[in-house]
Amino acid sequence: MKEEKREIQASPNKQLIMDIGKTKYTVNLHFKQGTGETYKDKILKLIKRETEKI
């Protein structure tokens, strides 16, 4: 049997846009493979960074 080779490719323009109050946040949802980082981690990191500014 032939072994199938598949590559996972995400489009480079995946973004999450959140409107919170008067501020609009954009999170780039691009990951390096093998880092184990999730969308939740990225979003929580953004929220933590923004709340520290206040």
N, C-alpha and C. Protein backbone atom coordinates (compact mmCIF):
# COMPACT_ATOMS: atom_id res chain seq x y z
N MET A 1 0.83 -1.20 0.00
CA MET A 1 0.00 0.00 0.00
C MET A 1 0.87 1.25 0.00
N LYS A 2 0.39 2.26 -0.69
CA LYS A 2 1.11 3.53 -0.72
C LYS A 2 0.77 4.34 0.54
N GLU A 3 1.78 5.00 1.06
CA GLU A 3 1.57 5.85 2.23
C GLU A 3 1.19 7.25 1.75
N GLU A 4 0.11 7.76 2.33
CA GLU A 4 -0.35 9.10 1.94
C GLU A 4 0.41 10.15 2.73
N LYS A 5 0.88 11.16 2.05
CA LYS A 5 1.55 12.27 2.74
C LYS A 5 0.61 13.47 2.72
N ARG A 6 0.36 13.99 3.87
CA ARG A 6 -0.52 15.16 3.97
C ARG A 6 0.19 16.25 4.74
N GLU A 7 0.05 17.45 4.27
CA GLU A 7 0.61 18.61 4.98
C GLU A 7 -0.55 19.48 5.44
N ILE A 8 -0.46 19.92 6.66
CA ILE A 8 -1.49 20.82 7.19
C ILE A 8 -1.06 22.24 6.87
N GLN A 9 -1.89 22.92 6.10
CA GLN A 9 -1.57 24.30 5.74
C GLN A 9 -2.75 25.19 6.11
N ALA A 10 -2.46 26.21 6.89
CA ALA A 10 -3.48 27.18 7.26
C ALA A 10 -3.26 28.43 6.42
N SER A 11 -4.35 29.07 6.05
CA SER A 11 -4.19 30.30 5.28
C SER A 11 -3.54 31.35 6.17
N PRO A 12 -2.67 32.19 5.62
CA PRO A 12 -1.92 33.14 6.45
C PRO A 12 -2.78 34.28 7.00
N ASN A 13 -4.04 34.39 6.56
CA ASN A 13 -4.86 35.53 6.96
C ASN A 13 -5.92 35.21 8.00
N LYS A 14 -5.78 34.11 8.74
CA LYS A 14 -6.78 33.79 9.75
C LYS A 14 -6.63 34.75 10.92
N GLN A 15 -7.70 35.46 11.22
CA GLN A 15 -7.66 36.43 12.31
C GLN A 15 -8.97 36.38 13.08
N LEU A 16 -8.88 36.65 14.36
CA LEU A 16 -10.05 36.79 15.19
C LEU A 16 -10.15 38.26 15.54
N ILE A 17 -11.31 38.85 15.27
CA ILE A 17 -11.51 40.27 15.57
C ILE A 17 -12.55 40.37 16.67
N MET A 18 -12.18 41.02 17.77
CA MET A 18 -13.08 41.17 18.91
C MET A 18 -13.34 42.65 19.15
N ASP A 19 -14.61 43.00 19.25
CA ASP A 19 -14.98 44.37 19.62
C ASP A 19 -15.35 44.36 21.09
N ILE A 20 -14.55 45.01 21.92
CA ILE A 20 -14.83 45.09 23.35
C ILE A 20 -14.92 46.57 23.69
N GLY A 21 -16.13 47.01 23.96
CA GLY A 21 -16.33 48.42 24.25
C GLY A 21 -15.99 49.26 23.04
N LYS A 22 -15.11 50.25 23.23
CA LYS A 22 -14.72 51.13 22.13
C LYS A 22 -13.48 50.62 21.41
N THR A 23 -12.91 49.51 21.91
CA THR A 23 -11.64 49.02 21.37
C THR A 23 -11.86 47.79 20.52
N LYS A 24 -11.14 47.73 19.42
CA LYS A 24 -11.22 46.58 18.52
C LYS A 24 -9.89 45.84 18.58
N TYR A 25 -9.93 44.56 18.93
CA TYR A 25 -8.72 43.75 19.04
C TYR A 25 -8.66 42.77 17.88
N THR A 26 -7.49 42.58 17.34
CA THR A 26 -7.28 41.60 16.28
C THR A 26 -6.22 40.62 16.74
N VAL A 27 -6.58 39.33 16.72
CA VAL A 27 -5.64 38.28 17.11
C VAL A 27 -5.30 37.48 15.87
N ASN A 28 -4.03 37.41 15.55
CA ASN A 28 -3.61 36.57 14.42
C ASN A 28 -3.62 35.12 14.89
N LEU A 29 -4.36 34.28 14.16
CA LEU A 29 -4.49 32.89 14.56
C LEU A 29 -3.57 32.02 13.72
N HIS A 30 -2.29 32.32 13.74
CA HIS A 30 -1.32 31.52 12.99
C HIS A 30 -0.36 30.89 14.00
N PHE A 31 -0.16 29.61 13.86
CA PHE A 31 0.68 28.90 14.82
C PHE A 31 1.82 28.20 14.12
N LYS A 32 2.94 28.14 14.80
CA LYS A 32 4.03 27.28 14.33
C LYS A 32 3.66 25.88 14.78
N GLN A 33 3.83 24.91 13.91
CA GLN A 33 3.46 23.54 14.26
C GLN A 33 4.37 23.02 15.38
N GLY A 34 3.77 22.29 16.29
CA GLY A 34 4.55 21.65 17.35
C GLY A 34 4.76 22.48 18.60
N THR A 35 4.20 23.69 18.67
CA THR A 35 4.40 24.51 19.87
C THR A 35 3.40 24.16 20.96
N GLY A 36 2.28 23.58 20.60
CA GLY A 36 1.27 23.20 21.58
C GLY A 36 0.41 24.37 22.04
N GLU A 37 0.57 25.53 21.42
CA GLU A 37 -0.21 26.71 21.80
C GLU A 37 -1.61 26.59 21.17
N THR A 38 -2.63 26.99 21.91
CA THR A 38 -4.00 26.90 21.40
C THR A 38 -4.56 28.29 21.17
N TYR A 39 -5.72 28.35 20.50
CA TYR A 39 -6.40 29.63 20.29
C TYR A 39 -6.71 30.27 21.64
N LYS A 40 -7.15 29.45 22.59
CA LYS A 40 -7.48 29.96 23.92
C LYS A 40 -6.26 30.62 24.56
N ASP A 41 -5.08 30.00 24.43
CA ASP A 41 -3.86 30.58 24.99
C ASP A 41 -3.57 31.95 24.38
N LYS A 42 -3.72 32.05 23.06
CA LYS A 42 -3.43 33.33 22.39
C LYS A 42 -4.40 34.42 22.84
N ILE A 43 -5.69 34.07 22.94
CA ILE A 43 -6.70 35.05 23.33
C ILE A 43 -6.48 35.50 24.77
N LEU A 44 -6.21 34.54 25.67
CA LEU A 44 -5.96 34.90 27.07
C LEU A 44 -4.72 35.76 27.22
N LYS A 45 -3.69 35.48 26.42
CA LYS A 45 -2.46 36.27 26.45
C LYS A 45 -2.75 37.72 26.03
N LEU A 46 -3.58 37.89 24.99
CA LEU A 46 -3.95 39.23 24.52
C LEU A 46 -4.73 39.97 25.60
N ILE A 47 -5.71 39.30 26.20
CA ILE A 47 -6.54 39.95 27.22
C ILE A 47 -5.69 40.34 28.42
N LYS A 48 -4.78 39.47 28.84
CA LYS A 48 -3.90 39.77 29.98
C LYS A 48 -3.02 40.97 29.67
N ARG A 49 -2.46 41.01 28.45
CA ARG A 49 -1.59 42.12 28.06
C ARG A 49 -2.36 43.44 28.05
N GLU A 50 -3.59 43.41 27.53
CA GLU A 50 -4.38 44.64 27.45
C GLU A 50 -4.84 45.11 28.82
N THR A 51 -5.17 44.19 29.72
CA THR A 51 -5.64 44.61 31.04
C THR A 51 -4.49 45.16 31.88
N GLU A 52 -3.26 44.71 31.61
CA GLU A 52 -2.11 45.25 32.34
C GLU A 52 -1.85 46.71 31.98
N LYS A 53 -2.24 47.12 30.77
CA LYS A 53 -2.03 48.51 30.32
C LYS A 53 -2.92 49.47 31.10
N ILE A 54 -4.08 48.99 31.53
CA ILE A 54 -5.08 49.87 32.18
C ILE A 54 -4.66 50.22 33.59
